[in-house]
Amino acid sequence: MSTGVVIVIVAIAVVLVVLLIVVSMRGRQRRRAQERRADRRDLMEAERQVGRAERDADIAREEADRRGDPDR
């Protein structure tokens, strides 16, 4: 093998390694973005549940107050 062929083969190997690293990093970024979106959805759902629970508690308190006060 001549020196030129070895240089070309090494250059191709370096390019492939760099490409593999870039693709791997990009995949990690996408997975993290998906996890953040899922976390945001979970947080929104939890906030909705808290709102519903607070409304239900308010309604229950009002009904208990009405039952305790026969003039209402």
PDB file of N, CA and C in Angstrom:
ATOM      1  N   MET A   1       0.829  -1.180   0.000  1.00  0.00           N
ATOM      2  CA  MET A   1       0.000   0.000   0.000  1.00  0.00           C
ATOM      3  C   MET A   1       0.874   1.245   0.000  1.00  0.00           C
ATOM      4  N   SER A   2       0.425   2.181  -0.719  1.00  0.00           N
ATOM      5  CA  SER A   2       1.181   3.423  -0.745  1.00  0.00           C
ATOM      6  C   SER A   2       0.703   4.341   0.371  1.00  0.00           C
ATOM      7  N   THR A   3       1.468   5.345   0.655  1.00  0.00           N
ATOM      8  CA  THR A   3       1.148   6.286   1.732  1.00  0.00           C
ATOM      9  C   THR A   3      -0.164   7.012   1.459  1.00  0.00           C
ATOM     10  N   GLY A   4      -0.434   7.339   0.214  1.00  0.00           N
ATOM     11  CA  GLY A   4      -1.669   8.043  -0.153  1.00  0.00           C
ATOM     12  C   GLY A   4      -2.903   7.228   0.170  1.00  0.00           C
ATOM     13  N   VAL A   5      -2.843   5.919  -0.096  1.00  0.00           N
ATOM     14  CA  VAL A   5      -3.996   5.042   0.178  1.00  0.00           C
ATOM     15  C   VAL A   5      -4.239   4.973   1.683  1.00  0.00           C
ATOM     16  N   VAL A   6      -3.168   4.869   2.457  1.00  0.00           N
ATOM     17  CA  VAL A   6      -3.297   4.807   3.914  1.00  0.00           C
ATOM     18  C   VAL A   6      -3.917   6.103   4.433  1.00  0.00           C
ATOM     19  N   ILE A   7      -3.499   7.217   3.918  1.00  0.00           N
ATOM     20  CA  ILE A   7      -4.044   8.512   4.343  1.00  0.00           C
ATOM     21  C   ILE A   7      -5.530   8.597   4.021  1.00  0.00           C
ATOM     22  N   VAL A   8      -5.918   8.127   2.840  1.00  0.00           N
ATOM     23  CA  VAL A   8      -7.335   8.151   2.449  1.00  0.00           C
ATOM     24  C   VAL A   8      -8.142   7.242   3.373  1.00  0.00           C
ATOM     25  N   ILE A   9      -7.637   6.067   3.672  1.00  0.00           N
ATOM     26  CA  ILE A   9      -8.361   5.129   4.543  1.00  0.00           C
ATOM     27  C   ILE A   9      -8.504   5.717   5.955  1.00  0.00           C
ATOM     28  N   VAL A  10      -7.449   6.311   6.470  1.00  0.00           N
ATOM     29  CA  VAL A  10      -7.509   6.925   7.795  1.00  0.00           C
ATOM     30  C   VAL A  10      -8.488   8.101   7.783  1.00  0.00           C
ATOM     31  N   ALA A  11      -8.468   8.897   6.745  1.00  0.00           N
ATOM     32  CA  ALA A  11      -9.383  10.033   6.646  1.00  0.00           C
ATOM     33  C   ALA A  11     -10.832   9.551   6.625  1.00  0.00           C
ATOM     34  N   ILE A  12     -11.107   8.501   5.878  1.00  0.00           N
ATOM     35  CA  ILE A  12     -12.471   7.939   5.830  1.00  0.00           C
ATOM     36  C   ILE A  12     -12.877   7.441   7.206  1.00  0.00           C
ATOM     37  N   ALA A  13     -11.954   6.763   7.896  1.00  0.00           N
ATOM     38  CA  ALA A  13     -12.251   6.250   9.240  1.00  0.00           C
ATOM     39  C   ALA A  13     -12.552   7.401  10.198  1.00  0.00           C
ATOM     40  N   VAL A  14     -11.775   8.466  10.123  1.00  0.00           N
ATOM     41  CA  VAL A  14     -11.999   9.628  10.992  1.00  0.00           C
ATOM     42  C   VAL A  14     -13.358  10.252  10.704  1.00  0.00           C
ATOM     43  N   VAL A  15     -13.695  10.395   9.444  1.00  0.00           N
ATOM     44  CA  VAL A  15     -14.993  10.966   9.071  1.00  0.00           C
ATOM     45  C   VAL A  15     -16.129  10.096   9.600  1.00  0.00           C
ATOM     46  N   LEU A  16     -15.990   8.787   9.482  1.00  0.00           N
ATOM     47  CA  LEU A  16     -17.040   7.881   9.971  1.00  0.00           C
ATOM     48  C   LEU A  16     -17.186   7.974  11.488  1.00  0.00           C
ATOM     49  N   VAL A  17     -16.076   8.056  12.193  1.00  0.00           N
ATOM     50  CA  VAL A  17     -16.140   8.179  13.652  1.00  0.00           C
ATOM     51  C   VAL A  17     -16.811   9.495  14.044  1.00  0.00           C
ATOM     52  N   VAL A  18     -16.442  10.579  13.402  1.00  0.00           N
ATOM     53  CA  VAL A  18     -17.059  11.875  13.694  1.00  0.00           C
ATOM     54  C   VAL A  18     -18.546  11.834  13.382  1.00  0.00           C
ATOM     55  N   LEU A  19     -18.911  11.233  12.274  1.00  0.00           N
ATOM     56  CA  LEU A  19     -20.320  11.109  11.900  1.00  0.00           C
ATOM     57  C   LEU A  19     -21.086  10.304  12.946  1.00  0.00           C
ATOM     58  N   LEU A  20     -20.503   9.223  13.409  1.00  0.00           N
ATOM     59  CA  LEU A  20     -21.136   8.397  14.437  1.00  0.00           C
ATOM     60  C   LEU A  20     -21.337   9.199  15.724  1.00  0.00           C
ATOM     61  N   ILE A  21     -20.354   9.970  16.109  1.00  0.00           N
ATOM     62  CA  ILE A  21     -20.462  10.786  17.319  1.00  0.00           C
ATOM     63  C   ILE A  21     -21.559  11.838  17.167  1.00  0.00           C
ATOM     64  N   VAL A  22     -21.610  12.498  16.025  1.00  0.00           N
ATOM     65  CA  VAL A  22     -22.619  13.531  15.790  1.00  0.00           C
ATOM     66  C   VAL A  22     -24.017  12.927  15.818  1.00  0.00           C
ATOM     67  N   VAL A  23     -24.196  11.794  15.180  1.00  0.00           N
ATOM     68  CA  VAL A  23     -25.515  11.147  15.158  1.00  0.00           C
ATOM     69  C   VAL A  23     -25.917  10.729  16.569  1.00  0.00           C
ATOM     70  N   SER A  24     -24.975  10.230  17.339  1.00  0.00           N
ATOM     71  CA  SER A  24     -25.249   9.827  18.714  1.00  0.00           C
ATOM     72  C   SER A  24     -25.665  11.022  19.563  1.00  0.00           C
ATOM     73  N   MET A  25     -24.962  12.134  19.416  1.00  0.00           N
ATOM     74  CA  MET A  25     -25.305  13.339  20.180  1.00  0.00           C
ATOM     75  C   MET A  25     -26.684  13.853  19.793  1.00  0.00           C
ATOM     76  N   ARG A  26     -26.972  13.819  18.525  1.00  0.00           N
ATOM     77  CA  ARG A  26     -28.278  14.296  18.047  1.00  0.00           C
ATOM     78  C   ARG A  26     -29.401  13.424  18.609  1.00  0.00           C
ATOM     79  N   GLY A  27     -29.169  12.129  18.646  1.00  0.00           N
ATOM     80  CA  GLY A  27     -30.171  11.221  19.212  1.00  0.00           C
ATOM     81  C   GLY A  27     -30.431  11.512  20.682  1.00  0.00           C
ATOM     82  N   ARG A  28     -29.367  11.800  21.417  1.00  0.00           N
ATOM     83  CA  ARG A  28     -29.526  12.144  22.835  1.00  0.00           C
ATOM     84  C   ARG A  28     -30.323  13.431  22.996  1.00  0.00           C
ATOM     85  N   GLN A  29     -30.059  14.402  22.135  1.00  0.00           N
ATOM     86  CA  GLN A  29     -30.805  15.661  22.203  1.00  0.00           C
ATOM     87  C   GLN A  29     -32.289  15.425  21.957  1.00  0.00           C
ATOM     88  N   ARG A  30     -32.590  14.599  20.990  1.00  0.00           N
ATOM     89  CA  ARG A  30     -34.003  14.314  20.688  1.00  0.00           C
ATOM     90  C   ARG A  30     -34.673  13.599  21.845  1.00  0.00           C
ATOM     91  N   ARG A  31     -33.982  12.634  22.437  1.00  0.00           N
ATOM     92  CA  ARG A  31     -34.566  11.911  23.575  1.00  0.00           C
ATOM     93  C   ARG A  31     -34.818  12.859  24.746  1.00  0.00           C
ATOM     94  N   ARG A  32     -33.866  13.759  25.018  1.00  0.00           N
ATOM     95  CA  ARG A  32     -34.052  14.721  26.100  1.00  0.00           C
ATOM     96  C   ARG A  32     -35.225  15.651  25.811  1.00  0.00           C
ATOM     97  N   ALA A  33     -35.359  16.060  24.558  1.00  0.00           N
ATOM     98  CA  ALA A  33     -36.481  16.934  24.193  1.00  0.00           C
ATOM     99  C   ALA A  33     -37.810  16.199  24.389  1.00  0.00           C
ATOM    100  N   GLN A  34     -37.851  14.937  24.021  1.00  0.00           N
ATOM    101  CA  GLN A  34     -39.075  14.149  24.217  1.00  0.00           C
ATOM    102  C   GLN A  34     -39.384  14.004  25.704  1.00  0.00           C
ATOM    103  N   GLU A  35     -38.359  13.780  26.508  1.00  0.00           N
ATOM    104  CA  GLU A  35     -38.561  13.663  27.949  1.00  0.00           C
ATOM    105  C   GLU A  35     -39.078  14.973  28.533  1.00  0.00           C
ATOM    106  N   ARG A  36     -38.546  16.099  28.062  1.00  0.00           N
ATOM    107  CA  ARG A  36     -39.027  17.396  28.551  1.00  0.00           C
ATOM    108  C   ARG A  36     -40.488  17.615  28.177  1.00  0.00           C
ATOM    109  N   ARG A  37     -40.849  17.228  26.944  1.00  0.00           N
ATOM    110  CA  ARG A  37     -42.260  17.370  26.538  1.00  0.00           C
ATOM    111  C   ARG A  37     -43.151  16.491  27.404  1.00  0.00           C
ATOM    112  N   ALA A  38     -42.719  15.267  27.677  1.00  0.00           N
ATOM    113  CA  ALA A  38     -43.498  14.371  28.527  1.00  0.00           C
ATOM    114  C   ALA A  38     -43.604  14.931  29.944  1.00  0.00           C
ATOM    115  N   ASP A  39     -42.520  15.486  30.449  1.00  0.00           N
ATOM    116  CA  ASP A  39     -42.552  16.086  31.788  1.00  0.00           C
ATOM    117  C   ASP A  39     -43.516  17.261  31.829  1.00  0.00           C
ATOM    118  N   ARG A  40     -43.513  18.086  30.771  1.00  0.00           N
ATOM    119  CA  ARG A  40     -44.438  19.221  30.713  1.00  0.00           C
ATOM    120  C   ARG A  40     -45.882  18.739  30.699  1.00  0.00           C
ATOM    121  N   ARG A  41     -46.153  17.689  29.902  1.00  0.00           N
ATOM    122  CA  ARG A  41     -47.520  17.146  29.858  1.00  0.00           C
ATOM    123  C   ARG A  41     -47.926  16.614  31.229  1.00  0.00           C
ATOM    124  N   ASP A  42     -47.011  15.909  31.894  1.00  0.00           N
ATOM    125  CA  ASP A  42     -47.313  15.376  33.221  1.00  0.00           C
ATOM    126  C   ASP A  42     -47.589  16.501  34.209  1.00  0.00           C
ATOM    127  N   LEU A  43     -46.801  17.565  34.133  1.00  0.00           N
ATOM    128  CA  LEU A  43     -46.999  18.701  35.028  1.00  0.00           C
ATOM    129  C   LEU A  43     -48.350  19.363  34.771  1.00  0.00           C
ATOM    130  N   MET A  44     -48.697  19.543  33.508  1.00  0.00           N
ATOM    131  CA  MET A  44     -49.989  20.155  33.179  1.00  0.00           C
ATOM    132  C   MET A  44     -51.139  19.296  33.703  1.00  0.00           C
ATOM    133  N   GLU A  45     -51.022  17.985  33.537  1.00  0.00           N
ATOM    134  CA  GLU A  45     -52.068  17.082  34.019  1.00  0.00           C
ATOM    135  C   GLU A  45     -52.159  17.142  35.541  1.00  0.00           C
ATOM    136  N   ALA A  46     -51.032  17.188  36.216  1.00  0.00           N
ATOM    137  CA  ALA A  46     -51.038  17.282  37.678  1.00  0.00           C
ATOM    138  C   ALA A  46     -51.686  18.586  38.126  1.00  0.00           C
ATOM    139  N   GLU A  47     -51.394  19.680  37.427  1.00  0.00           N
ATOM    140  CA  GLU A  47     -52.011  20.959  37.776  1.00  0.00           C
ATOM    141  C   GLU A  47     -53.523  20.909  37.569  1.00  0.00           C
ATOM    142  N   ARG A  48     -53.951  20.256  36.498  1.00  0.00           N
ATOM    143  CA  ARG A  48     -55.400  20.111  36.269  1.00  0.00           C
ATOM    144  C   ARG A  48     -56.040  19.307  37.396  1.00  0.00           C
ATOM    145  N   GLN A  49     -55.371  18.232  37.806  1.00  0.00           N
ATOM    146  CA  GLN A  49     -55.912  17.397  38.879  1.00  0.00           C
ATOM    147  C   GLN A  49     -55.994  18.181  40.188  1.00  0.00           C
ATOM    148  N   VAL A  50     -54.992  19.008  40.459  1.00  0.00           N
ATOM    149  CA  VAL A  50     -55.020  19.830  41.663  1.00  0.00           C
ATOM    150  C   VAL A  50     -56.196  20.797  41.600  1.00  0.00           C
ATOM    151  N   GLY A  51     -56.405  21.399  40.446  1.00  0.00           N
ATOM    152  CA  GLY A  51     -57.534  22.313  40.285  1.00  0.00           C
ATOM    153  C   GLY A  51     -58.860  21.619  40.514  1.00  0.00           C
ATOM    154  N   ARG A  52     -58.996  20.421  39.947  1.00  0.00           N
ATOM    155  CA  ARG A  52     -60.236  19.662  40.152  1.00  0.00           C
ATOM    156  C   ARG A  52     -60.406  19.303  41.621  1.00  0.00           C
ATOM    157  N   ALA A  53     -59.336  18.885  42.263  1.00  0.00           N
ATOM    158  CA  ALA A  53     -59.409  18.503  43.676  1.00  0.00           C
ATOM    159  C   ALA A  53     -59.795  19.701  44.539  1.00  0.00           C
ATOM    160  N   GLU A  54     -59.239  20.869  44.228  1.00  0.00           N
ATOM    161  CA  GLU A  54     -59.591  22.070  44.994  1.00  0.00           C
ATOM    162  C   GLU A  54     -61.057  22.428  44.797  1.00  0.00           C
ATOM    163  N   ARG A  55     -61.542  22.337  43.555  1.00  0.00           N
ATOM    164  CA  ARG A  55     -62.966  22.625  43.305  1.00  0.00           C
ATOM    165  C   ARG A  55     -63.856  21.627  44.041  1.00  0.00           C
ATOM    166  N   ASP A  56     -63.481  20.354  43.976  1.00  0.00           N
ATOM    167  CA  ASP A  56     -64.271  19.329  44.673  1.00  0.00           C
ATOM    168  C   ASP A  56     -64.284  19.583  46.179  1.00  0.00           C
ATOM    169  N   ALA A  57     -63.143  19.980  46.734  1.00  0.00           N
ATOM    170  CA  ALA A  57     -63.076  20.267  48.172  1.00  0.00           C
ATOM    171  C   ALA A  57     -63.951  21.466  48.515  1.00  0.00           C
ATOM    172  N   ASP A  58     -63.923  22.498  47.665  1.00  0.00           N
ATOM    173  CA  ASP A  58     -64.765  23.674  47.905  1.00  0.00           C
ATOM    174  C   ASP A  58     -66.241  23.294  47.877  1.00  0.00           C
ATOM    175  N   ILE A  59     -66.617  22.497  46.905  1.00  0.00           N
ATOM    176  CA  ILE A  59     -68.019  22.059  46.792  1.00  0.00           C
ATOM    177  C   ILE A  59     -68.404  21.248  48.016  1.00  0.00           C
ATOM    178  N   ALA A  60     -67.523  20.345  48.435  1.00  0.00           N
ATOM    179  CA  ALA A  60     -67.821  19.511  49.602  1.00  0.00           C
ATOM    180  C   ALA A  60     -67.966  20.374  50.855  1.00  0.00           C
ATOM    181  N   ARG A  61     -67.095  21.391  51.000  1.00  0.00           N
ATOM    182  CA  ARG A  61     -67.195  22.287  52.151  1.00  0.00           C
ATOM    183  C   ARG A  61     -68.516  23.054  52.129  1.00  0.00           C
ATOM    184  N   GLU A  62     -68.895  23.549  50.953  1.00  0.00           N
ATOM    185  CA  GLU A  62     -70.159  24.292  50.842  1.00  0.00           C
ATOM    186  C   GLU A  62     -71.349  23.404  51.174  1.00  0.00           C
ATOM    187  N   GLU A  63     -71.327  22.172  50.689  1.00  0.00           N
ATOM    188  CA  GLU A  63     -72.424  21.244  50.988  1.00  0.00           C
ATOM    189  C   GLU A  63     -72.452  20.920  52.473  1.00  0.00           C
ATOM    190  N   ALA A  64     -71.291  20.755  53.092  1.00  0.00           N
ATOM    191  CA  ALA A  64     -71.242  20.465  54.524  1.00  0.00           C
ATOM    192  C   ALA A  64     -71.765  21.658  55.319  1.00  0.00           C
ATOM    193  N   ASP A  65     -71.409  22.866  54.868  1.00  0.00           N
ATOM    194  CA  ASP A  65     -71.906  24.069  55.549  1.00  0.00           C
ATOM    195  C   ASP A  65     -73.428  24.164  55.430  1.00  0.00           C
ATOM    196  N   ARG A  66     -73.963  23.858  54.276  1.00  0.00           N
ATOM    197  CA  ARG A  66     -75.416  23.910  54.070  1.00  0.00           C
ATOM    198  C   ARG A  66     -76.132  22.900  54.939  1.00  0.00           C
ATOM    199  N   ARG A  67     -75.539  21.706  55.059  1.00  0.00           N
ATOM    200  CA  ARG A  67     -76.168  20.667  55.894  1.00  0.00           C
ATOM    201  C   ARG A  67     -76.110  21.062  57.369  1.00  0.00           C
ATOM    202  N   GLY A  68     -75.050  21.760  57.753  1.00  0.00           N
ATOM    203  CA  GLY A  68     -74.897  22.156  59.151  1.00  0.00           C
ATOM    204  C   GLY A  68     -75.760  23.353  59.505  1.00  0.00           C
ATOM    205  N   ASP A  69     -76.144  24.162  58.508  1.00  0.00           N
ATOM    206  CA  ASP A  69     -76.951  25.366  58.742  1.00  0.00           C
ATOM    207  C   ASP A  69     -78.295  25.178  58.065  1.00  0.00           C
ATOM    208  N   PRO A  70     -79.344  24.817  58.799  1.00  0.00           N
ATOM    209  CA  PRO A  70     -80.641  24.520  58.155  1.00  0.00           C
ATOM    210  C   PRO A  70     -81.323  25.735  57.556  1.00  0.00           C
ATOM    211  N   ASP A  71     -80.895  26.976  57.872  1.00  0.00           N
ATOM    212  CA  ASP A  71     -81.513  28.167  57.294  1.00  0.00           C
ATOM    213  C   ASP A  71     -81.119  28.396  55.856  1.00  0.00           C
ATOM    214  N   ARG A  72     -80.091  27.760  55.378  1.00  0.00           N
ATOM    215  CA  ARG A  72     -79.626  27.966  54.003  1.00  0.00           C
ATOM    216  C   ARG A  72     -80.423  27.211  53.010  1.00  0.00           C
TER     217      ARG A  72
END
